[in-house]
Amino acid sequence: MNPLLLIDDDQELTSMLSTYLQREGFVVQVANDSQLGLRQAISGHYELLVLDVMMPGLDGISLLRQIRQHSKVPVIMLTAKGDDIDKVLGLELGADDYVAKPCLPRELVARIRAILRRVQQQQDEPTEVKVGPLTLEPGSRKAWVNSQQIQLTGAEFSVLWVLACQAGRLVSKAELSLQALGKTLTQYDRSLDVHISNIRQKLGKREDQQAWIEAVRGKGYQLMQRSDTLPT
């Protein structure tokens, strides 16, 4: 049983979604007030949050910013359809995924299960992965460069984990999206690019002053090793 928290001021929507999610086997709590949602979100009692962007008072973006100061719990944002600014900003602040409103309950369930499955698979990994001074520990979902911990969100860790496990190999965007985020890449989905940008900033440069992650336009991404050269 996976405990989830829905944070949305729309009582009709949360009632409908919680009923559907409970039928799918989830344990669901609802917070129709953002301040109550914040207290519950950082309690450590939930495996995933579903958070609406548009709420009175403390909006979803501000709420996410505060949650990320205390917790790495996976977060799915509910955004207005076509509102790319909220989607990108949410991802930059640490959201794992987003679903446009009005959302189909089946799509939301699929996104939730993909994230929970990804987290569980990484927690079950028995060993760490090292690429030069970069170390990833899947059990704790922590990363270090030269013994300095890098603060990654859950989605960022998953993306970096897939690249690190295949270090030196070009991983296509479609493959990376499926393996790391649990979803098929669509034409206008920028979530993977935002996660990569965030990871690059957090990792900084390698000892040779080159970027850790290089992109091959139209092909994918590669976690570089000292002697790697990009395919042409």
C-alpha atoms as a PDB file:
ATOM      1  CA  MET A   1       0.000   0.000   0.000  1.00  0.00           C
ATOM      2  CA  ASN A   2       1.520   3.316  -1.119  1.00  0.00           C
ATOM      3  CA  PRO A   3       0.459   6.392   0.916  1.00  0.00           C
ATOM      4  CA  LEU A   4      -0.104   9.436  -1.291  1.00  0.00           C
ATOM      5  CA  LEU A   5      -0.963  13.045  -0.510  1.00  0.00           C
ATOM      6  CA  LEU A   6      -3.139  15.196  -2.806  1.00  0.00           C
ATOM      7  CA  ILE A   7      -2.748  18.949  -2.269  1.00  0.00           C
ATOM      8  CA  ASP A   8      -5.381  20.936  -4.165  1.00  0.00           C
ATOM      9  CA  ASP A   9      -8.028  23.442  -3.117  1.00  0.00           C
ATOM     10  CA  ASP A  10     -10.535  21.923  -5.583  1.00  0.00           C
ATOM     11  CA  GLN A  11     -12.528  19.665  -3.264  1.00  0.00           C
ATOM     12  CA  GLU A  12     -14.577  18.127  -6.056  1.00  0.00           C
ATOM     13  CA  LEU A  13     -11.455  17.157  -7.982  1.00  0.00           C
ATOM     14  CA  THR A  14      -9.600  15.758  -4.962  1.00  0.00           C
ATOM     15  CA  SER A  15     -12.663  13.737  -3.969  1.00  0.00           C
ATOM     16  CA  MET A  16     -12.864  12.225  -7.457  1.00  0.00           C
ATOM     17  CA  LEU A  17      -9.142  11.540  -7.705  1.00  0.00           C
ATOM     18  CA  SER A  18      -8.834  10.092  -4.202  1.00  0.00           C
ATOM     19  CA  THR A  19     -11.741   7.713  -4.858  1.00  0.00           C
ATOM     20  CA  TYR A  20     -10.146   6.559  -8.103  1.00  0.00           C
ATOM     21  CA  LEU A  21      -6.691   6.164  -6.562  1.00  0.00           C
ATOM     22  CA  GLN A  22      -8.078   4.204  -3.630  1.00  0.00           C
ATOM     23  CA  ARG A  23      -9.739   1.815  -6.077  1.00  0.00           C
ATOM     24  CA  GLU A  24      -6.305   1.362  -7.652  1.00  0.00           C
ATOM     25  CA  GLY A  25      -4.881   0.269  -4.298  1.00  0.00           C
ATOM     26  CA  PHE A  26      -3.344   3.493  -2.980  1.00  0.00           C
ATOM     27  CA  VAL A  27      -3.790   4.975   0.480  1.00  0.00           C
ATOM     28  CA  VAL A  28      -4.768   8.606  -0.097  1.00  0.00           C
ATOM     29  CA  GLN A  29      -4.869  11.672   2.132  1.00  0.00           C
ATOM     30  CA  VAL A  30      -6.156  15.045   0.923  1.00  0.00           C
ATOM     31  CA  ALA A  31      -5.157  18.581   1.906  1.00  0.00           C
ATOM     32  CA  ASN A  32      -7.394  21.299   0.451  1.00  0.00           C
ATOM     33  CA  ASP A  33      -5.320  24.031   2.106  1.00  0.00           C
ATOM     34  CA  SER A  34      -1.723  24.767   1.117  1.00  0.00           C
ATOM     35  CA  GLN A  35      -0.473  25.400   4.666  1.00  0.00           C
ATOM     36  CA  LEU A  36      -1.950  22.114   5.870  1.00  0.00           C
ATOM     37  CA  GLY A  37      -0.504  20.480   2.757  1.00  0.00           C
ATOM     38  CA  LEU A  38       2.963  21.783   3.577  1.00  0.00           C
ATOM     39  CA  ARG A  39       2.871  20.386   7.118  1.00  0.00           C
ATOM     40  CA  GLN A  40       1.713  16.999   5.859  1.00  0.00           C
ATOM     41  CA  ALA A  41       4.135  16.970   2.902  1.00  0.00           C
ATOM     42  CA  ILE A  42       7.243  17.291   5.062  1.00  0.00           C
ATOM     43  CA  SER A  43       6.022  14.824   7.683  1.00  0.00           C
ATOM     44  CA  GLY A  44       7.759  11.890   5.977  1.00  0.00           C
ATOM     45  CA  HIS A  45       4.553   9.842   5.934  1.00  0.00           C
ATOM     46  CA  TYR A  46       4.000   9.813   2.165  1.00  0.00           C
ATOM     47  CA  GLU A  47       5.719   8.122  -0.756  1.00  0.00           C
ATOM     48  CA  LEU A  48       4.510  10.654  -3.338  1.00  0.00           C
ATOM     49  CA  LEU A  49       2.733  14.028  -3.514  1.00  0.00           C
ATOM     50  CA  VAL A  50       0.312  15.299  -6.153  1.00  0.00           C
ATOM     51  CA  LEU A  51       0.422  19.089  -5.997  1.00  0.00           C
ATOM     52  CA  ASP A  52      -1.728  21.630  -7.827  1.00  0.00           C
ATOM     53  CA  VAL A  53       0.015  24.749  -9.135  1.00  0.00           C
ATOM     54  CA  MET A  54      -2.934  27.157  -8.893  1.00  0.00           C
ATOM     55  CA  MET A  55      -4.031  27.543  -5.272  1.00  0.00           C
ATOM     56  CA  PRO A  56      -5.035  30.612  -3.250  1.00  0.00           C
ATOM     57  CA  GLY A  57      -2.558  31.897  -0.699  1.00  0.00           C
ATOM     58  CA  LEU A  58       0.575  29.775  -0.984  1.00  0.00           C
ATOM     59  CA  ASP A  59       0.548  28.616  -4.608  1.00  0.00           C
ATOM     60  CA  GLY A  60       1.915  25.258  -5.734  1.00  0.00           C
ATOM     61  CA  ILE A  61       5.242  26.599  -6.993  1.00  0.00           C
ATOM     62  CA  SER A  62       5.965  28.363  -3.690  1.00  0.00           C
ATOM     63  CA  LEU A  63       4.809  25.303  -1.799  1.00  0.00           C
ATOM     64  CA  LEU A  64       7.121  23.058  -3.811  1.00  0.00           C
ATOM     65  CA  ARG A  65      10.046  25.382  -3.085  1.00  0.00           C
ATOM     66  CA  GLN A  66       9.409  25.005   0.650  1.00  0.00           C
ATOM     67  CA  ILE A  67       8.894  21.248   0.444  1.00  0.00           C
ATOM     68  CA  ARG A  68      12.246  20.817  -1.291  1.00  0.00           C
ATOM     69  CA  GLN A  69      13.983  22.550   1.608  1.00  0.00           C
ATOM     70  CA  HIS A  70      12.935  19.643   3.828  1.00  0.00           C
ATOM     71  CA  SER A  71      12.168  16.605   1.689  1.00  0.00           C
ATOM     72  CA  LYS A  72      13.050  14.714  -1.495  1.00  0.00           C
ATOM     73  CA  VAL A  73       9.638  13.016  -1.662  1.00  0.00           C
ATOM     74  CA  PRO A  74       8.564  12.572  -5.319  1.00  0.00           C
ATOM     75  CA  VAL A  75       6.153  15.267  -6.533  1.00  0.00           C
ATOM     76  CA  ILE A  76       3.796  15.328  -9.511  1.00  0.00           C
ATOM     77  CA  MET A  77       2.532  18.817 -10.386  1.00  0.00           C
ATOM     78  CA  LEU A  78      -0.965  19.461 -11.729  1.00  0.00           C
ATOM     79  CA  THR A  79      -0.625  22.333 -14.193  1.00  0.00           C
ATOM     80  CA  ALA A  80      -2.954  24.261 -16.470  1.00  0.00           C
ATOM     81  CA  LYS A  81      -3.054  22.745 -19.922  1.00  0.00           C
ATOM     82  CA  GLY A  82      -0.407  24.339 -22.148  1.00  0.00           C
ATOM     83  CA  ASP A  83       1.166  26.385 -19.332  1.00  0.00           C
ATOM     84  CA  ASP A  84       4.797  25.606 -20.133  1.00  0.00           C
ATOM     85  CA  ILE A  85       6.144  28.253 -17.756  1.00  0.00           C
ATOM     86  CA  ASP A  86       4.679  26.490 -14.713  1.00  0.00           C
ATOM     87  CA  LYS A  87       5.857  23.112 -15.998  1.00  0.00           C
ATOM     88  CA  VAL A  88       9.449  24.194 -16.505  1.00  0.00           C
ATOM     89  CA  LEU A  89       9.584  26.176 -13.261  1.00  0.00           C
ATOM     90  CA  GLY A  90       8.180  23.222 -11.336  1.00  0.00           C
ATOM     91  CA  LEU A  91      10.776  20.878 -12.816  1.00  0.00           C
ATOM     92  CA  GLU A  92      13.577  23.334 -12.067  1.00  0.00           C
ATOM     93  CA  LEU A  93      12.451  23.468  -8.434  1.00  0.00           C
ATOM     94  CA  GLY A  94      12.471  19.699  -8.123  1.00  0.00           C
ATOM     95  CA  ALA A  95       9.148  18.312  -9.354  1.00  0.00           C
ATOM     96  CA  ASP A  96       9.480  14.788 -10.750  1.00  0.00           C
ATOM     97  CA  ASP A  97       6.734  15.058 -13.347  1.00  0.00           C
ATOM     98  CA  TYR A  98       3.625  17.007 -14.283  1.00  0.00           C
ATOM     99  CA  VAL A  99       0.128  16.248 -15.539  1.00  0.00           C
ATOM    100  CA  ALA A 100      -2.005  18.855 -17.303  1.00  0.00           C
ATOM    101  CA  LYS A 101      -5.466  19.650 -15.954  1.00  0.00           C
ATOM    102  CA  PRO A 102      -8.119  18.558 -16.559  1.00  0.00           C
ATOM    103  CA  CYS A 103      -6.300  15.278 -16.062  1.00  0.00           C
ATOM    104  CA  LEU A 104      -7.397  11.757 -16.835  1.00  0.00           C
ATOM    105  CA  PRO A 105      -7.232   9.644 -13.659  1.00  0.00           C
ATOM    106  CA  ARG A 106      -5.720   6.766 -15.638  1.00  0.00           C
ATOM    107  CA  GLU A 107      -2.859   8.977 -16.815  1.00  0.00           C
ATOM    108  CA  LEU A 108      -2.197  10.182 -13.270  1.00  0.00           C
ATOM    109  CA  VAL A 109      -2.128   6.591 -11.988  1.00  0.00           C
ATOM    110  CA  ALA A 110       0.316   5.618 -14.734  1.00  0.00           C
ATOM    111  CA  ARG A 111       2.652   8.521 -13.845  1.00  0.00           C
ATOM    112  CA  ILE A 112       2.458   7.692 -10.123  1.00  0.00           C
ATOM    113  CA  ARG A 113       3.246   4.024 -10.681  1.00  0.00           C
ATOM    114  CA  ALA A 114       6.134   4.839 -13.011  1.00  0.00           C
ATOM    115  CA  ILE A 115       7.766   7.084 -10.403  1.00  0.00           C
ATOM    116  CA  LEU A 116       7.225   4.648  -7.518  1.00  0.00           C
ATOM    117  CA  ARG A 117       8.539   1.766  -9.635  1.00  0.00           C
ATOM    118  CA  ARG A 118      11.640   3.761 -10.564  1.00  0.00           C
ATOM    119  CA  VAL A 119      12.341   4.666  -6.935  1.00  0.00           C
ATOM    120  CA  GLN A 120      11.901   1.063  -5.787  1.00  0.00           C
ATOM    121  CA  GLN A 121      14.169  -0.335  -8.499  1.00  0.00           C
ATOM    122  CA  GLN A 122      16.960   2.036  -7.523  1.00  0.00           C
ATOM    123  CA  GLN A 123      16.552   1.294  -3.819  1.00  0.00           C
ATOM    124  CA  ASP A 124      16.890  -2.421  -4.584  1.00  0.00           C
ATOM    125  CA  GLU A 125      20.221  -1.920  -6.347  1.00  0.00           C
ATOM    126  CA  PRO A 126      22.883  -3.507  -4.093  1.00  0.00           C
ATOM    127  CA  THR A 127      25.963  -1.542  -5.141  1.00  0.00           C
ATOM    128  CA  GLU A 128      27.182   1.959  -5.806  1.00  0.00           C
ATOM    129  CA  VAL A 129      28.350   3.256  -9.164  1.00  0.00           C
ATOM    130  CA  LYS A 130      31.555   5.291  -9.548  1.00  0.00           C
ATOM    131  CA  VAL A 131      32.595   7.325 -12.575  1.00  0.00           C
ATOM    132  CA  GLY A 132      35.889   8.973 -11.687  1.00  0.00           C
ATOM    133  CA  PRO A 133      35.237  11.225  -8.656  1.00  0.00           C
ATOM    134  CA  LEU A 134      31.457  10.853  -9.109  1.00  0.00           C
ATOM    135  CA  THR A 135      29.776   8.312  -6.817  1.00  0.00           C
ATOM    136  CA  LEU A 136      26.101   7.346  -6.848  1.00  0.00           C
ATOM    137  CA  GLU A 137      24.462   5.297  -4.104  1.00  0.00           C
ATOM    138  CA  PRO A 138      21.036   4.020  -5.195  1.00  0.00           C
ATOM    139  CA  GLY A 139      19.936   2.768  -1.783  1.00  0.00           C
ATOM    140  CA  SER A 140      20.042   6.240  -0.247  1.00  0.00           C
ATOM    141  CA  ARG A 141      19.645   7.989  -3.631  1.00  0.00           C
ATOM    142  CA  LYS A 142      22.637  10.191  -2.858  1.00  0.00           C
ATOM    143  CA  ALA A 143      25.447  11.456  -5.075  1.00  0.00           C
ATOM    144  CA  TRP A 144      28.925  12.783  -4.330  1.00  0.00           C
ATOM    145  CA  VAL A 145      31.699  14.428  -6.337  1.00  0.00           C
ATOM    146  CA  ASN A 146      35.076  14.229  -4.585  1.00  0.00           C
ATOM    147  CA  SER A 147      33.279  13.352  -1.329  1.00  0.00           C
ATOM    148  CA  GLN A 148      31.075  16.463  -1.560  1.00  0.00           C
ATOM    149  CA  GLN A 149      27.401  15.555  -1.598  1.00  0.00           C
ATOM    150  CA  ILE A 150      25.357  16.841  -4.533  1.00  0.00           C
ATOM    151  CA  GLN A 151      21.757  17.698  -3.679  1.00  0.00           C
ATOM    152  CA  LEU A 152      19.686  16.028  -6.401  1.00  0.00           C
ATOM    153  CA  THR A 153      15.936  15.608  -6.625  1.00  0.00           C
ATOM    154  CA  GLY A 154      14.533  12.127  -7.148  1.00  0.00           C
ATOM    155  CA  ALA A 155      14.072  12.610 -10.880  1.00  0.00           C
ATOM    156  CA  GLU A 156      17.534  14.135 -11.281  1.00  0.00           C
ATOM    157  CA  PHE A 157      19.103  11.204  -9.444  1.00  0.00           C
ATOM    158  CA  SER A 158      17.264   8.766 -11.722  1.00  0.00           C
ATOM    159  CA  VAL A 159      18.465  10.512 -14.872  1.00  0.00           C
ATOM    160  CA  LEU A 160      22.052  10.665 -13.627  1.00  0.00           C
ATOM    161  CA  TRP A 161      21.887   7.024 -12.467  1.00  0.00           C
ATOM    162  CA  VAL A 162      20.912   5.787 -15.935  1.00  0.00           C
ATOM    163  CA  LEU A 163      23.698   7.833 -17.537  1.00  0.00           C
ATOM    164  CA  ALA A 164      26.267   6.711 -14.935  1.00  0.00           C
ATOM    165  CA  CYS A 165      25.402   3.039 -15.410  1.00  0.00           C
ATOM    166  CA  GLN A 166      26.159   3.560 -19.110  1.00  0.00           C
ATOM    167  CA  ALA A 167      28.995   6.070 -18.720  1.00  0.00           C
ATOM    168  CA  GLY A 168      30.854   6.681 -21.952  1.00  0.00           C
ATOM    169  CA  ARG A 169      27.875   5.570 -24.034  1.00  0.00           C
ATOM    170  CA  LEU A 170      25.469   7.873 -25.852  1.00  0.00           C
ATOM    171  CA  VAL A 171      21.966   7.307 -24.446  1.00  0.00           C
ATOM    172  CA  SER A 172      19.104   8.433 -26.674  1.00  0.00           C
ATOM    173  CA  LYS A 173      16.572  10.856 -25.212  1.00  0.00           C
ATOM    174  CA  ALA A 174      13.793   8.343 -25.792  1.00  0.00           C
ATOM    175  CA  GLU A 175      15.701   5.623 -23.939  1.00  0.00           C
ATOM    176  CA  LEU A 176      16.678   7.960 -21.118  1.00  0.00           C
ATOM    177  CA  SER A 177      13.124   9.212 -20.648  1.00  0.00           C
ATOM    178  CA  LEU A 178      11.764   5.670 -20.517  1.00  0.00           C
ATOM    179  CA  GLN A 179      14.432   4.262 -18.200  1.00  0.00           C
ATOM    180  CA  ALA A 180      14.839   7.236 -15.863  1.00  0.00           C
ATOM    181  CA  LEU A 181      11.411   8.882 -15.836  1.00  0.00           C
ATOM    182  CA  GLY A 182       9.255   5.901 -16.711  1.00  0.00           C
ATOM    183  CA  LYS A 183       7.458   7.583 -19.589  1.00  0.00           C
ATOM    184  CA  THR A 184       7.578   7.662 -23.353  1.00  0.00           C
ATOM    185  CA  LEU A 185       9.166  10.836 -24.715  1.00  0.00           C
ATOM    186  CA  THR A 186       6.723  13.073 -26.570  1.00  0.00           C
ATOM    187  CA  GLN A 187       7.494  15.826 -29.062  1.00  0.00           C
ATOM    188  CA  TYR A 188       6.963  18.824 -26.796  1.00  0.00           C
ATOM    189  CA  ASP A 189       7.974  17.303 -23.453  1.00  0.00           C
ATOM    190  CA  ARG A 190      10.888  19.349 -22.076  1.00  0.00           C
ATOM    191  CA  SER A 191      11.093  17.659 -18.682  1.00  0.00           C
ATOM    192  CA  LEU A 192      14.164  15.586 -19.547  1.00  0.00           C
ATOM    193  CA  ASP A 193      16.051  18.630 -20.872  1.00  0.00           C
ATOM    194  CA  VAL A 194      15.241  20.586 -17.706  1.00  0.00           C
ATOM    195  CA  HIS A 195      16.472  17.750 -15.488  1.00  0.00           C
ATOM    196  CA  ILE A 196      19.714  17.511 -17.489  1.00  0.00           C
ATOM    197  CA  SER A 197      20.248  21.274 -17.196  1.00  0.00           C
ATOM    198  CA  ASN A 198      19.763  21.116 -13.425  1.00  0.00           C
ATOM    199  CA  ILE A 199      22.158  18.167 -13.080  1.00  0.00           C
ATOM    200  CA  ARG A 200      24.837  19.944 -15.104  1.00  0.00           C
ATOM    201  CA  GLN A 201      24.648  23.010 -12.874  1.00  0.00           C
ATOM    202  CA  LYS A 202      24.850  20.949  -9.705  1.00  0.00           C
ATOM    203  CA  LEU A 203      27.754  18.765 -10.871  1.00  0.00           C
ATOM    204  CA  GLY A 204      29.810  21.672 -12.189  1.00  0.00           C
ATOM    205  CA  LYS A 205      32.890  20.888 -14.289  1.00  0.00           C
ATOM    206  CA  ARG A 206      35.103  17.811 -14.202  1.00  0.00           C
ATOM    207  CA  GLU A 207      38.731  18.063 -13.160  1.00  0.00           C
ATOM    208  CA  ASP A 208      39.680  18.652 -16.804  1.00  0.00           C
ATOM    209  CA  GLN A 209      37.184  21.568 -16.883  1.00  0.00           C
ATOM    210  CA  GLN A 210      34.885  19.752 -19.299  1.00  0.00           C
ATOM    211  CA  ALA A 211      31.175  19.195 -18.692  1.00  0.00           C
ATOM    212  CA  TRP A 212      30.105  15.942 -17.073  1.00  0.00           C
ATOM    213  CA  ILE A 213      27.169  15.529 -19.472  1.00  0.00           C
ATOM    214  CA  GLU A 214      27.426  16.293 -23.167  1.00  0.00           C
ATOM    215  CA  ALA A 215      24.582  16.428 -25.668  1.00  0.00           C
ATOM    216  CA  VAL A 216      24.578  15.241 -29.246  1.00  0.00           C
ATOM    217  CA  ARG A 217      21.901  17.272 -31.011  1.00  0.00           C
ATOM    218  CA  GLY A 218      19.007  15.127 -32.097  1.00  0.00           C
ATOM    219  CA  LYS A 219      20.547  11.965 -30.600  1.00  0.00           C
ATOM    220  CA  GLY A 220      20.850  12.070 -26.827  1.00  0.00           C
ATOM    221  CA  TYR A 221      23.127  12.544 -23.839  1.00  0.00           C
ATOM    222  CA  GLN A 222      26.379  11.008 -22.637  1.00  0.00           C
ATOM    223  CA  LEU A 223      28.029  11.030 -19.215  1.00  0.00           C
ATOM    224  CA  MET A 224      31.624  11.666 -20.137  1.00  0.00           C
ATOM    225  CA  GLN A 225      34.736   9.963 -18.860  1.00  0.00           C
ATOM    226  CA  ARG A 226      38.195  11.484 -19.122  1.00  0.00           C
ATOM    227  CA  SER A 227      39.102   9.782 -22.409  1.00  0.00           C
ATOM    228  CA  ASP A 228      35.667   9.942 -24.027  1.00  0.00           C
ATOM    229  CA  THR A 229      35.018  11.601 -27.355  1.00  0.00           C
ATOM    230  CA  LEU A 230      31.549  12.386 -28.621  1.00  0.00           C
ATOM    231  CA  PRO A 231      30.219  10.479 -31.640  1.00  0.00           C
ATOM    232  CA  THR A 232      29.880  12.499 -34.791  1.00  0.00           C
END
